[in-house]
Amino acid sequence: MDSIIATLKTLHLHPVADHFTIALLMIGVLLDLVGSPLARFRWIRYAALTLMILGAFSAAVSWESGGWEAHKVHNLVTGDVKELLHDHAELGDTLVWVFIVLAVWRIGVETIGFLAIWRGIYLIAAVIAVGALGYQGYLGGQLVYDHGVGTALLTPTPEASVGQPTPSAIPTVYVPPAGAASPAASPTASPSATPTPSAAASPAKSAEPGATPTASHV
């Protein structure tokens, strides 16, 4: 039994059960409102009774699966989000019993003669209950779509990061600010040319030893 429950917890049944609960109960109450003044169309009443019973069962599944999901995220949220989660859960704890009572009441209205006089009061209570159910669904939508509760955005799994390549470093290209001189346009100091000694500046060769000076002719 524990293994079956553990498997069910991995299937994320809560959003599925929620949508079935809202659809079954709201349509069931709507059919009852339409069929109550039309006594000859008894099939409408029977359809409403069937939807109310199925909706109460679906509400119980939604309540139980919601508890599973709440335990997963309870320690991951803080502040206003945790308060929103608390309000959503408390409303669910109350509504599940409300719809079970309404389903039993609806069976009695249809099958026990003297309870038929309570049909109008039942309809008022059912309309208020589905209104509260719609508000609870609105709170659930805020948790999911505004805060990511119950999604991978809030509870990333380790498998999600496996196999993802690590981004490589991308070299940063330097872009000079507007008006700055380009390095290529800046003057570059060129090495000064080394002067080549000219022949006139070279010292005269000294006379070789032993050489006789030549007398000039007058």
N, C-alpha and C. Protein backbone atom coordinates (compact mmCIF):
# COMPACT_ATOMS: atom_id res chain seq x y z
N MET A 1 0.82 -1.21 0.00
CA MET A 1 0.00 0.00 0.00
C MET A 1 0.86 1.26 0.00
N ASP A 2 1.93 1.22 0.79
CA ASP A 2 2.83 2.38 0.85
C ASP A 2 3.47 2.65 -0.51
N SER A 3 3.81 1.58 -1.23
CA SER A 3 4.43 1.76 -2.54
C SER A 3 3.44 2.37 -3.54
N ILE A 4 2.17 1.99 -3.41
CA ILE A 4 1.15 2.56 -4.30
C ILE A 4 0.99 4.06 -4.04
N ILE A 5 0.94 4.43 -2.76
CA ILE A 5 0.80 5.84 -2.41
C ILE A 5 2.03 6.62 -2.88
N ALA A 6 3.22 6.02 -2.71
CA ALA A 6 4.44 6.70 -3.16
C ALA A 6 4.43 6.92 -4.66
N THR A 7 3.89 5.94 -5.40
CA THR A 7 3.78 6.10 -6.85
C THR A 7 2.78 7.18 -7.22
N LEU A 8 1.65 7.22 -6.50
CA LEU A 8 0.64 8.24 -6.78
C LEU A 8 1.18 9.65 -6.50
N LYS A 9 2.04 9.77 -5.50
CA LYS A 9 2.60 11.08 -5.17
C LYS A 9 3.48 11.63 -6.30
N THR A 10 4.07 10.74 -7.07
CA THR A 10 4.94 11.18 -8.17
C THR A 10 4.15 11.57 -9.42
N LEU A 11 2.85 11.31 -9.45
CA LEU A 11 2.05 11.56 -10.65
C LEU A 11 1.47 12.97 -10.71
N HIS A 12 1.64 13.75 -9.66
CA HIS A 12 1.11 15.13 -9.62
C HIS A 12 -0.39 15.14 -9.93
N LEU A 13 -1.16 14.42 -9.10
CA LEU A 13 -2.59 14.30 -9.33
C LEU A 13 -3.37 15.55 -8.93
N HIS A 14 -2.79 16.40 -8.12
CA HIS A 14 -3.54 17.52 -7.55
C HIS A 14 -4.15 18.45 -8.62
N PRO A 15 -3.38 18.93 -9.60
CA PRO A 15 -4.02 19.83 -10.59
C PRO A 15 -5.09 19.12 -11.42
N VAL A 16 -4.91 17.83 -11.68
CA VAL A 16 -5.92 17.09 -12.44
C VAL A 16 -7.22 16.99 -11.63
N ALA A 17 -7.08 16.58 -10.36
CA ALA A 17 -8.26 16.45 -9.50
C ALA A 17 -8.94 17.79 -9.29
N ASP A 18 -8.14 18.86 -9.17
CA ASP A 18 -8.73 20.19 -8.98
C ASP A 18 -9.65 20.58 -10.13
N HIS A 19 -9.19 20.37 -11.34
CA HIS A 19 -9.99 20.77 -12.50
C HIS A 19 -11.26 19.93 -12.61
N PHE A 20 -11.17 18.64 -12.31
CA PHE A 20 -12.36 17.81 -12.32
C PHE A 20 -13.35 18.26 -11.24
N THR A 21 -12.82 18.57 -10.05
CA THR A 21 -13.69 18.99 -8.94
C THR A 21 -14.46 20.25 -9.29
N ILE A 22 -13.76 21.25 -9.80
CA ILE A 22 -14.40 22.52 -10.15
C ILE A 22 -15.46 22.31 -11.24
N ALA A 23 -15.10 21.55 -12.28
CA ALA A 23 -16.04 21.34 -13.40
C ALA A 23 -17.28 20.56 -12.95
N LEU A 24 -17.07 19.46 -12.22
CA LEU A 24 -18.20 18.62 -11.82
C LEU A 24 -19.16 19.36 -10.90
N LEU A 25 -18.62 20.04 -9.89
CA LEU A 25 -19.49 20.68 -8.91
C LEU A 25 -20.18 21.91 -9.47
N MET A 26 -19.48 22.73 -10.23
CA MET A 26 -20.11 23.93 -10.77
C MET A 26 -21.20 23.58 -11.78
N ILE A 27 -20.92 22.61 -12.64
CA ILE A 27 -21.95 22.22 -13.62
C ILE A 27 -23.12 21.53 -12.92
N GLY A 28 -22.81 20.74 -11.88
CA GLY A 28 -23.88 20.07 -11.14
C GLY A 28 -24.82 21.05 -10.48
N VAL A 29 -24.27 22.07 -9.84
CA VAL A 29 -25.12 23.08 -9.20
C VAL A 29 -25.89 23.88 -10.25
N LEU A 30 -25.24 24.19 -11.37
CA LEU A 30 -25.92 24.92 -12.43
C LEU A 30 -27.11 24.12 -12.98
N LEU A 31 -26.93 22.83 -13.18
CA LEU A 31 -28.04 21.99 -13.65
C LEU A 31 -29.17 21.94 -12.63
N ASP A 32 -28.81 21.92 -11.36
CA ASP A 32 -29.84 21.91 -10.32
C ASP A 32 -30.64 23.20 -10.33
N LEU A 33 -29.97 24.32 -10.57
CA LEU A 33 -30.68 25.59 -10.64
C LEU A 33 -31.65 25.62 -11.82
N VAL A 34 -31.20 25.01 -12.93
CA VAL A 34 -32.06 24.99 -14.12
C VAL A 34 -33.20 23.98 -13.96
N GLY A 35 -32.89 22.82 -13.37
CA GLY A 35 -33.87 21.74 -13.31
C GLY A 35 -34.86 21.83 -12.17
N SER A 36 -34.55 22.62 -11.14
CA SER A 36 -35.47 22.68 -9.98
C SER A 36 -36.85 23.20 -10.33
N PRO A 37 -36.98 24.28 -11.11
CA PRO A 37 -38.33 24.75 -11.45
C PRO A 37 -39.00 23.92 -12.54
N LEU A 38 -38.25 23.01 -13.16
CA LEU A 38 -38.80 22.21 -14.26
C LEU A 38 -38.99 20.78 -13.77
N ALA A 39 -40.08 20.55 -13.06
CA ALA A 39 -40.30 19.25 -12.43
C ALA A 39 -40.44 18.13 -13.44
N ARG A 40 -40.90 18.43 -14.64
CA ARG A 40 -41.11 17.37 -15.63
C ARG A 40 -39.80 16.88 -16.25
N PHE A 41 -38.76 17.70 -16.17
CA PHE A 41 -37.46 17.27 -16.70
C PHE A 41 -36.61 16.70 -15.57
N ARG A 42 -37.04 15.53 -15.09
CA ARG A 42 -36.38 14.94 -13.93
C ARG A 42 -34.97 14.49 -14.26
N TRP A 43 -34.69 14.24 -15.54
CA TRP A 43 -33.35 13.78 -15.89
C TRP A 43 -32.30 14.85 -15.59
N ILE A 44 -32.72 16.13 -15.64
CA ILE A 44 -31.78 17.20 -15.30
C ILE A 44 -31.41 17.12 -13.82
N ARG A 45 -32.43 16.83 -12.99
CA ARG A 45 -32.16 16.70 -11.56
C ARG A 45 -31.26 15.50 -11.27
N TYR A 46 -31.52 14.42 -11.95
CA TYR A 46 -30.70 13.22 -11.73
C TYR A 46 -29.26 13.46 -12.20
N ALA A 47 -29.13 14.20 -13.30
CA ALA A 47 -27.77 14.53 -13.76
C ALA A 47 -27.05 15.41 -12.74
N ALA A 48 -27.78 16.37 -12.16
CA ALA A 48 -27.19 17.22 -11.14
C ALA A 48 -26.80 16.42 -9.91
N LEU A 49 -27.66 15.47 -9.51
CA LEU A 49 -27.34 14.61 -8.37
C LEU A 49 -26.09 13.79 -8.64
N THR A 50 -25.98 13.22 -9.84
CA THR A 50 -24.81 12.42 -10.18
C THR A 50 -23.53 13.25 -10.16
N LEU A 51 -23.60 14.46 -10.71
CA LEU A 51 -22.41 15.32 -10.74
C LEU A 51 -22.01 15.76 -9.33
N MET A 52 -22.99 15.97 -8.45
CA MET A 52 -22.67 16.36 -7.08
C MET A 52 -21.95 15.23 -6.35
N ILE A 53 -22.41 14.00 -6.56
CA ILE A 53 -21.75 12.86 -5.91
C ILE A 53 -20.32 12.68 -6.45
N LEU A 54 -20.17 12.73 -7.78
CA LEU A 54 -18.84 12.60 -8.36
C LEU A 54 -17.94 13.77 -7.95
N GLY A 55 -18.54 14.97 -7.86
CA GLY A 55 -17.75 16.13 -7.45
C GLY A 55 -17.27 16.02 -6.02
N ALA A 56 -18.08 15.49 -5.13
CA ALA A 56 -17.66 15.30 -3.74
C ALA A 56 -16.52 14.30 -3.65
N PHE A 57 -16.59 13.24 -4.44
CA PHE A 57 -15.50 12.25 -4.47
C PHE A 57 -14.23 12.89 -5.03
N SER A 58 -14.38 13.67 -6.09
CA SER A 58 -13.22 14.35 -6.68
C SER A 58 -12.63 15.37 -5.71
N ALA A 59 -13.48 16.03 -4.91
CA ALA A 59 -12.99 16.98 -3.91
C ALA A 59 -12.14 16.27 -2.86
N ALA A 60 -12.53 15.05 -2.49
CA ALA A 60 -11.74 14.28 -1.52
C ALA A 60 -10.37 13.93 -2.10
N VAL A 61 -10.33 13.54 -3.39
CA VAL A 61 -9.05 13.23 -4.04
C VAL A 61 -8.20 14.49 -4.13
N SER A 62 -8.82 15.61 -4.47
CA SER A 62 -8.09 16.87 -4.56
C SER A 62 -7.52 17.29 -3.21
N TRP A 63 -8.29 17.10 -2.16
CA TRP A 63 -7.83 17.44 -0.81
C TRP A 63 -6.64 16.58 -0.39
N GLU A 64 -6.72 15.29 -0.63
CA GLU A 64 -5.62 14.39 -0.24
C GLU A 64 -4.37 14.67 -1.06
N SER A 65 -4.51 14.81 -2.37
CA SER A 65 -3.34 15.08 -3.21
C SER A 65 -2.76 16.46 -2.94
N GLY A 66 -3.63 17.41 -2.55
CA GLY A 66 -3.15 18.74 -2.19
C GLY A 66 -2.27 18.69 -0.95
N GLY A 67 -2.61 17.82 -0.01
CA GLY A 67 -1.76 17.65 1.18
C GLY A 67 -0.39 17.12 0.81
N TRP A 68 -0.33 16.20 -0.15
CA TRP A 68 0.97 15.69 -0.59
C TRP A 68 1.83 16.81 -1.18
N GLU A 69 1.21 17.63 -2.02
CA GLU A 69 1.97 18.70 -2.66
C GLU A 69 2.38 19.78 -1.65
N ALA A 70 1.52 20.06 -0.69
CA ALA A 70 1.84 21.08 0.32
C ALA A 70 3.05 20.69 1.15
N HIS A 71 3.17 19.41 1.47
CA HIS A 71 4.32 18.96 2.25
C HIS A 71 5.62 19.12 1.47
N LYS A 72 5.56 19.05 0.15
CA LYS A 72 6.77 19.18 -0.66
C LYS A 72 7.30 20.61 -0.67
N VAL A 73 6.41 21.58 -0.63
CA VAL A 73 6.83 22.97 -0.83
C VAL A 73 6.72 23.82 0.43
N HIS A 74 6.22 23.25 1.52
CA HIS A 74 5.96 24.07 2.70
C HIS A 74 7.21 24.77 3.22
N ASN A 75 8.34 24.08 3.21
CA ASN A 75 9.58 24.68 3.73
C ASN A 75 10.33 25.49 2.69
N LEU A 76 9.80 25.58 1.48
CA LEU A 76 10.48 26.32 0.41
C LEU A 76 9.91 27.72 0.22
N VAL A 77 8.80 28.00 0.87
CA VAL A 77 8.16 29.31 0.70
C VAL A 77 8.18 30.06 2.03
N THR A 78 8.17 31.37 1.94
CA THR A 78 8.20 32.21 3.13
C THR A 78 7.28 33.41 2.93
N GLY A 79 7.04 34.13 4.04
CA GLY A 79 6.33 35.39 3.97
C GLY A 79 4.92 35.28 3.42
N ASP A 80 4.60 36.18 2.50
CA ASP A 80 3.25 36.25 1.94
C ASP A 80 2.88 34.98 1.17
N VAL A 81 3.87 34.35 0.54
CA VAL A 81 3.58 33.13 -0.23
C VAL A 81 3.15 32.01 0.71
N LYS A 82 3.83 31.88 1.85
CA LYS A 82 3.44 30.84 2.81
C LYS A 82 2.05 31.13 3.37
N GLU A 83 1.72 32.38 3.62
CA GLU A 83 0.39 32.73 4.10
C GLU A 83 -0.67 32.41 3.05
N LEU A 84 -0.35 32.67 1.79
CA LEU A 84 -1.27 32.34 0.70
C LEU A 84 -1.49 30.84 0.61
N LEU A 85 -0.40 30.08 0.76
CA LEU A 85 -0.50 28.62 0.74
C LEU A 85 -1.34 28.12 1.92
N HIS A 86 -1.17 28.75 3.07
CA HIS A 86 -1.94 28.36 4.25
C HIS A 86 -3.44 28.62 4.05
N ASP A 87 -3.78 29.77 3.49
CA ASP A 87 -5.19 30.08 3.24
C ASP A 87 -5.81 29.10 2.24
N HIS A 88 -5.06 28.78 1.20
CA HIS A 88 -5.54 27.83 0.19
C HIS A 88 -5.79 26.46 0.81
N ALA A 89 -4.86 26.02 1.67
CA ALA A 89 -4.99 24.70 2.28
C ALA A 89 -6.14 24.66 3.29
N GLU A 90 -6.28 25.71 4.09
CA GLU A 90 -7.37 25.74 5.09
C GLU A 90 -8.74 25.73 4.42
N LEU A 91 -8.85 26.47 3.33
CA LEU A 91 -10.12 26.49 2.61
C LEU A 91 -10.43 25.11 2.04
N GLY A 92 -9.41 24.42 1.56
CA GLY A 92 -9.61 23.06 1.06
C GLY A 92 -10.02 22.09 2.16
N ASP A 93 -9.43 22.25 3.36
CA ASP A 93 -9.81 21.39 4.48
C ASP A 93 -11.27 21.54 4.85
N THR A 94 -11.81 22.73 4.67
CA THR A 94 -13.22 22.97 5.01
C THR A 94 -14.15 22.53 3.88
N LEU A 95 -13.78 22.87 2.65
CA LEU A 95 -14.69 22.62 1.52
C LEU A 95 -14.90 21.13 1.25
N VAL A 96 -13.90 20.31 1.51
CA VAL A 96 -14.08 18.89 1.23
C VAL A 96 -15.24 18.32 2.05
N TRP A 97 -15.36 18.75 3.31
CA TRP A 97 -16.46 18.27 4.16
C TRP A 97 -17.77 18.94 3.78
N VAL A 98 -17.70 20.19 3.35
CA VAL A 98 -18.92 20.88 2.90
C VAL A 98 -19.55 20.14 1.73
N PHE A 99 -18.73 19.73 0.77
CA PHE A 99 -19.29 19.07 -0.42
C PHE A 99 -19.72 17.63 -0.12
N ILE A 100 -19.08 16.99 0.83
CA ILE A 100 -19.56 15.67 1.23
C ILE A 100 -20.95 15.78 1.87
N VAL A 101 -21.12 16.78 2.73
CA VAL A 101 -22.43 17.00 3.36
C VAL A 101 -23.47 17.38 2.30
N LEU A 102 -23.08 18.24 1.35
CA LEU A 102 -24.02 18.64 0.29
C LEU A 102 -24.42 17.45 -0.58
N ALA A 103 -23.48 16.55 -0.84
CA ALA A 103 -23.82 15.37 -1.65
C ALA A 103 -24.83 14.49 -0.92
N VAL A 104 -24.62 14.28 0.39
CA VAL A 104 -25.57 13.48 1.17
C VAL A 104 -26.92 14.19 1.24
N TRP A 105 -26.88 15.50 1.43
CA TRP A 105 -28.12 16.30 1.47
C TRP A 105 -28.87 16.21 0.15
N ARG A 106 -28.11 16.25 -0.94
CA ARG A 106 -28.74 16.19 -2.27
C ARG A 106 -29.38 14.83 -2.50
N ILE A 107 -28.77 13.78 -2.02
CA ILE A 107 -29.37 12.44 -2.13
C ILE A 107 -30.68 12.39 -1.36
N GLY A 108 -30.67 12.99 -0.16
CA GLY A 108 -31.88 13.00 0.65
C GLY A 108 -33.00 13.80 0.01
N VAL A 109 -32.64 14.94 -0.59
CA VAL A 109 -33.66 15.78 -1.25
C VAL A 109 -34.33 15.00 -2.39
N GLU A 110 -33.57 14.18 -3.08
CA GLU A 110 -34.10 13.47 -4.25
C GLU A 110 -34.83 12.19 -3.88
N THR A 111 -34.45 11.57 -2.76
CA THR A 111 -34.99 10.23 -2.45
C THR A 111 -35.93 10.21 -1.26
N ILE A 112 -35.84 11.19 -0.37
CA ILE A 112 -36.69 11.22 0.82
C ILE A 112 -37.69 12.36 0.66
N GLY A 113 -38.96 12.01 0.65
CA GLY A 113 -40.00 12.95 0.29
C GLY A 113 -40.01 14.23 1.11
N PHE A 114 -39.99 14.12 2.44
CA PHE A 114 -40.16 15.32 3.26
C PHE A 114 -38.95 16.25 3.18
N LEU A 115 -37.80 15.75 2.70
CA LEU A 115 -36.62 16.62 2.56
C LEU A 115 -36.68 17.48 1.30
N ALA A 116 -37.64 17.21 0.43
CA ALA A 116 -37.75 17.99 -0.80
C ALA A 116 -38.07 19.45 -0.52
N ILE A 117 -38.67 19.73 0.63
CA ILE A 117 -38.98 21.11 0.96
C ILE A 117 -37.73 21.93 1.26
N TRP A 118 -36.61 21.24 1.48
CA TRP A 118 -35.35 21.91 1.76
C TRP A 118 -34.53 22.14 0.50
N ARG A 119 -35.13 21.91 -0.64
CA ARG A 119 -34.39 22.04 -1.90
C ARG A 119 -33.87 23.47 -2.09
N GLY A 120 -34.69 24.46 -1.81
CA GLY A 120 -34.27 25.85 -2.00
C GLY A 120 -33.09 26.21 -1.11
N ILE A 121 -33.15 25.79 0.16
CA ILE A 121 -32.03 26.07 1.07
C ILE A 121 -30.77 25.34 0.62
N TYR A 122 -30.99 24.11 0.14
CA TYR A 122 -29.83 23.37 -0.39
C TYR A 122 -29.18 24.11 -1.54
N LEU A 123 -29.98 24.66 -2.45
CA LEU A 123 -29.43 25.35 -3.61
C LEU A 123 -28.64 26.60 -3.19
N ILE A 124 -29.16 27.32 -2.21
CA ILE A 124 -28.44 28.50 -1.72
C ILE A 124 -27.09 28.10 -1.14
N ALA A 125 -27.09 27.04 -0.31
CA ALA A 125 -25.84 26.56 0.28
C ALA A 125 -24.87 26.07 -0.80
N ALA A 126 -25.40 25.39 -1.83
CA ALA A 126 -24.54 24.87 -2.89
C ALA A 126 -23.91 25.99 -3.70
N VAL A 127 -24.69 27.06 -3.99
CA VAL A 127 -24.15 28.19 -4.74
C VAL A 127 -23.03 28.87 -3.95
N ILE A 128 -23.24 29.06 -2.64
CA ILE A 128 -22.19 29.67 -1.80
C ILE A 128 -20.94 28.78 -1.79
N ALA A 129 -21.14 27.47 -1.72
CA ALA A 129 -20.01 26.54 -1.66
C ALA A 129 -19.19 26.57 -2.95
N VAL A 130 -19.86 26.57 -4.11
CA VAL A 130 -19.10 26.60 -5.36
C VAL A 130 -18.43 27.97 -5.57
N GLY A 131 -19.04 29.02 -4.99
CA GLY A 131 -18.37 30.32 -5.03
C GLY A 131 -17.07 30.29 -4.24
N ALA A 132 -17.10 29.67 -3.05
CA ALA A 132 -15.88 29.51 -2.25
C ALA A 132 -14.87 28.61 -2.97
N LEU A 133 -15.37 27.61 -3.69
CA LEU A 133 -14.49 26.74 -4.46
C LEU A 133 -13.78 27.51 -5.56
N GLY A 134 -14.52 28.41 -6.22
CA GLY A 134 -13.90 29.24 -7.25
C GLY A 134 -12.83 30.14 -6.67
N TYR A 135 -13.07 30.68 -5.47
CA TYR A 135 -12.06 31.53 -4.81
C TYR A 135 -10.83 30.71 -4.44
N GLN A 136 -11.04 29.49 -3.99
CA GLN A 136 -9.90 28.63 -3.68
C GLN A 136 -9.08 28.34 -4.93
N GLY A 137 -9.77 28.12 -6.04
CA GLY A 137 -9.05 27.91 -7.29
C GLY A 137 -8.25 29.13 -7.70
N TYR A 138 -8.81 30.32 -7.42
CA TYR A 138 -8.09 31.56 -7.71
C TYR A 138 -6.81 31.65 -6.88
N LEU A 139 -6.87 31.29 -5.60
CA LEU A 139 -5.68 31.28 -4.75
C LEU A 139 -4.65 30.29 -5.28
N GLY A 140 -5.14 29.13 -5.71
CA GLY A 140 -4.21 28.15 -6.28
C GLY A 140 -3.54 28.65 -7.53
N GLY A 141 -4.29 29.38 -8.35
CA GLY A 141 -3.69 29.96 -9.55
C GLY A 141 -2.62 30.98 -9.21
N GLN A 142 -2.82 31.78 -8.17
CA GLN A 142 -1.80 32.72 -7.74
C GLN A 142 -0.54 32.01 -7.29
N LEU A 143 -0.71 30.92 -6.55
CA LEU A 143 0.46 30.17 -6.07
C LEU A 143 1.30 29.65 -7.23
N VAL A 144 0.61 29.14 -8.25
CA VAL A 144 1.33 28.51 -9.37
C VAL A 144 1.87 29.55 -10.34
N TYR A 145 1.00 30.45 -10.82
CA TYR A 145 1.37 31.34 -11.92
C TYR A 145 2.13 32.59 -11.46
N ASP A 146 1.87 33.04 -10.23
CA ASP A 146 2.57 34.24 -9.75
C ASP A 146 3.84 33.92 -8.97
N HIS A 147 3.85 32.76 -8.29
CA HIS A 147 4.98 32.45 -7.41
C HIS A 147 5.69 31.14 -7.77
N GLY A 148 5.19 30.40 -8.74
CA GLY A 148 5.87 29.19 -9.18
C GLY A 148 5.81 28.04 -8.19
N VAL A 149 4.88 28.07 -7.22
CA VAL A 149 4.78 27.00 -6.23
C VAL A 149 4.33 25.71 -6.92
N GLY A 150 5.06 24.63 -6.64
CA GLY A 150 4.73 23.34 -7.25
C GLY A 150 5.31 23.13 -8.62
N THR A 151 6.09 24.09 -9.12
CA THR A 151 6.71 23.94 -10.43
C THR A 151 8.21 23.82 -10.27
N ALA A 152 8.89 23.49 -11.38
CA ALA A 152 10.34 23.35 -11.35
C ALA A 152 11.04 24.68 -11.10
N LEU A 153 10.35 25.80 -11.30
CA LEU A 153 10.95 27.10 -11.01
C LEU A 153 11.26 27.26 -9.53
N LEU A 154 10.40 26.64 -8.68
CA LEU A 154 10.62 26.73 -7.24
C LEU A 154 11.35 25.53 -6.70
N THR A 155 11.08 24.35 -7.26
CA THR A 155 11.70 23.12 -6.77
C THR A 155 12.44 22.44 -7.91
N PRO A 156 13.59 22.97 -8.33
CA PRO A 156 14.34 22.34 -9.41
C PRO A 156 14.87 20.98 -8.97
N THR A 157 14.74 20.02 -9.84
CA THR A 157 15.22 18.68 -9.54
C THR A 157 16.68 18.55 -9.93
N PRO A 158 17.45 17.67 -9.24
CA PRO A 158 18.86 17.49 -9.61
C PRO A 158 19.04 17.02 -11.03
N GLU A 159 18.04 16.23 -11.54
CA GLU A 159 18.19 15.71 -12.89
C GLU A 159 18.14 16.82 -13.93
N ALA A 160 17.52 17.96 -13.56
CA ALA A 160 17.35 19.03 -14.54
C ALA A 160 18.67 19.66 -14.92
N SER A 161 19.66 19.59 -14.01
CA SER A 161 20.94 20.23 -14.29
C SER A 161 21.98 19.28 -14.83
N VAL A 162 21.64 17.96 -14.90
CA VAL A 162 22.61 16.98 -15.39
C VAL A 162 22.67 17.05 -16.90
N GLY A 163 23.89 17.03 -17.44
CA GLY A 163 24.09 17.01 -18.88
C GLY A 163 24.04 18.35 -19.54
N GLN A 164 23.81 19.41 -18.78
CA GLN A 164 23.80 20.73 -19.39
C GLN A 164 25.22 21.24 -19.52
N PRO A 165 25.65 21.68 -20.71
CA PRO A 165 27.03 22.13 -20.88
C PRO A 165 27.30 23.40 -20.10
N THR A 166 28.51 23.48 -19.59
CA THR A 166 28.91 24.68 -18.87
C THR A 166 29.30 25.74 -19.87
N PRO A 167 28.72 26.92 -19.77
CA PRO A 167 29.04 27.95 -20.76
C PRO A 167 30.50 28.34 -20.69
N SER A 168 31.14 28.39 -21.85
CA SER A 168 32.55 28.75 -21.91
C SER A 168 32.70 30.25 -21.85
N ALA A 169 33.90 30.68 -21.41
CA ALA A 169 34.15 32.11 -21.29
C ALA A 169 34.24 32.74 -22.67
N ILE A 170 33.56 33.82 -22.86
CA ILE A 170 33.56 34.52 -24.14
C ILE A 170 34.47 35.73 -24.01
N PRO A 171 35.48 35.88 -24.87
CA PRO A 171 36.38 37.03 -24.75
C PRO A 171 35.62 38.33 -24.94
N THR A 172 35.96 39.27 -24.12
CA THR A 172 35.32 40.58 -24.18
C THR A 172 36.05 41.46 -25.19
N VAL A 173 35.31 42.02 -26.11
CA VAL A 173 35.88 42.90 -27.13
C VAL A 173 35.84 44.33 -26.60
N TYR A 174 37.01 45.00 -26.58
CA TYR A 174 37.06 46.37 -26.08
C TYR A 174 36.51 47.32 -27.12
N VAL A 175 35.54 48.10 -26.71
CA VAL A 175 34.95 49.11 -27.58
C VAL A 175 35.27 50.47 -26.99
N PRO A 176 36.09 51.29 -27.65
CA PRO A 176 36.45 52.59 -27.08
C PRO A 176 35.26 53.50 -27.02
N PRO A 177 35.20 54.35 -26.01
CA PRO A 177 34.07 55.29 -25.91
C PRO A 177 34.09 56.31 -27.03
N ALA A 178 32.92 56.87 -27.27
CA ALA A 178 32.81 57.86 -28.34
C ALA A 178 33.71 59.06 -28.06
N GLY A 179 34.43 59.50 -29.07
CA GLY A 179 35.30 60.67 -28.94
C GLY A 179 36.71 60.33 -28.51
N ALA A 180 36.93 59.09 -28.12
CA ALA A 180 38.28 58.72 -27.71
C ALA A 180 39.12 58.46 -28.95
N ALA A 181 40.39 58.80 -28.85
CA ALA A 181 41.28 58.60 -29.99
C ALA A 181 41.56 57.12 -30.16
N SER A 182 41.53 56.69 -31.40
CA SER A 182 41.81 55.30 -31.70
C SER A 182 43.29 55.03 -31.49
N PRO A 183 43.63 53.85 -30.94
CA PRO A 183 45.05 53.53 -30.76
C PRO A 183 45.83 53.59 -32.06
N ALA A 184 45.17 53.24 -33.19
CA ALA A 184 45.91 53.24 -34.46
C ALA A 184 46.20 54.66 -34.92
N ALA A 185 45.33 55.61 -34.49
CA ALA A 185 45.51 56.98 -34.95
C ALA A 185 46.45 57.78 -34.06
N SER A 186 46.82 57.25 -32.88
CA SER A 186 47.69 57.99 -31.98
C SER A 186 49.11 57.99 -32.51
N PRO A 187 49.82 59.12 -32.35
CA PRO A 187 51.20 59.17 -32.87
C PRO A 187 52.10 58.21 -32.12
N THR A 188 52.90 57.53 -32.91
CA THR A 188 53.84 56.57 -32.34
C THR A 188 55.24 57.14 -32.44
N ALA A 189 55.93 57.17 -31.31
CA ALA A 189 57.30 57.70 -31.30
C ALA A 189 58.22 56.75 -32.02
N SER A 190 58.82 57.23 -33.14
CA SER A 190 59.73 56.38 -33.91
C SER A 190 61.15 56.62 -33.42
N PRO A 191 61.94 55.59 -33.42
CA PRO A 191 63.33 55.74 -32.95
C PRO A 191 64.08 56.73 -33.84
N SER A 192 64.87 57.58 -33.19
CA SER A 192 65.65 58.58 -33.95
C SER A 192 66.72 57.92 -34.78
N ALA A 193 66.89 58.48 -35.97
CA ALA A 193 67.89 57.90 -36.88
C ALA A 193 69.30 58.21 -36.36
N THR A 194 70.13 57.21 -36.41
CA THR A 194 71.53 57.37 -35.97
C THR A 194 72.32 58.04 -37.08
N PRO A 195 72.94 59.21 -36.79
CA PRO A 195 73.69 59.89 -37.87
C PRO A 195 74.88 59.09 -38.32
N THR A 196 75.04 59.06 -39.65
CA THR A 196 76.19 58.35 -40.22
C THR A 196 77.36 59.32 -40.33
N PRO A 197 78.50 58.96 -39.75
CA PRO A 197 79.66 59.88 -39.82
C PRO A 197 80.09 60.11 -41.25
N SER A 198 80.23 61.38 -41.58
CA SER A 198 80.67 61.72 -42.94
C SER A 198 82.19 61.64 -43.04
N ALA A 199 82.73 61.65 -44.30
CA ALA A 199 84.17 61.55 -44.52
C ALA A 199 84.89 62.80 -44.05
N ALA A 200 84.23 63.94 -44.13
CA ALA A 200 84.87 65.18 -43.71
C ALA A 200 85.06 65.22 -42.22
N ALA A 201 84.17 64.56 -41.52
CA ALA A 201 84.28 64.61 -40.07
C ALA A 201 85.22 63.59 -39.52
N SER A 202 85.72 62.64 -40.39
CA SER A 202 86.62 61.60 -39.91
C SER A 202 88.00 62.17 -39.74
N PRO A 203 88.75 61.84 -38.73
CA PRO A 203 90.10 62.38 -38.51
C PRO A 203 91.06 61.94 -39.58
N ALA A 204 92.01 62.84 -39.92
CA ALA A 204 93.01 62.52 -40.95
C ALA A 204 93.98 61.49 -40.42
N LYS A 205 94.44 60.67 -41.36
CA LYS A 205 95.36 59.62 -40.99
C LYS A 205 96.72 60.25 -40.62
N SER A 206 97.28 59.80 -39.59
CA SER A 206 98.62 60.28 -39.18
C SER A 206 99.68 59.75 -40.12
N ALA A 207 100.77 60.55 -40.26
CA ALA A 207 101.86 60.14 -41.16
C ALA A 207 102.51 58.90 -40.64
N GLU A 208 102.88 58.05 -41.60
CA GLU A 208 103.52 56.80 -41.22
C GLU A 208 104.93 57.09 -40.72
N PRO A 209 105.40 56.34 -39.78
CA PRO A 209 106.80 56.57 -39.29
C PRO A 209 107.80 56.37 -40.40
N GLY A 210 108.79 57.23 -40.38
CA GLY A 210 109.87 57.13 -41.36
C GLY A 210 109.64 57.83 -42.64
N ALA A 211 108.53 58.35 -42.84
CA ALA A 211 108.20 59.02 -44.10
C ALA A 211 108.85 60.40 -44.12
N THR A 212 109.44 60.79 -45.21
CA THR A 212 110.13 62.08 -45.35
C THR A 212 109.18 63.10 -45.91
N PRO A 213 109.09 64.22 -45.18
CA PRO A 213 108.17 65.19 -45.71
C PRO A 213 108.69 65.80 -47.02
N THR A 214 107.82 66.00 -47.92
CA THR A 214 108.17 66.53 -49.23
C THR A 214 108.17 68.05 -49.21
N ALA A 215 109.28 68.63 -49.66
CA ALA A 215 109.38 70.10 -49.68
C ALA A 215 108.65 70.65 -50.84
N SER A 216 107.96 71.64 -50.58
CA SER A 216 107.19 72.27 -51.65
C SER A 216 108.09 73.17 -52.47
N HIS A 217 107.90 73.21 -53.74
CA HIS A 217 108.68 74.07 -54.66
C HIS A 217 108.14 75.47 -54.59
N VAL A 218 109.13 76.39 -54.52
CA VAL A 218 108.73 77.79 -54.50
C VAL A 218 108.65 78.28 -55.92
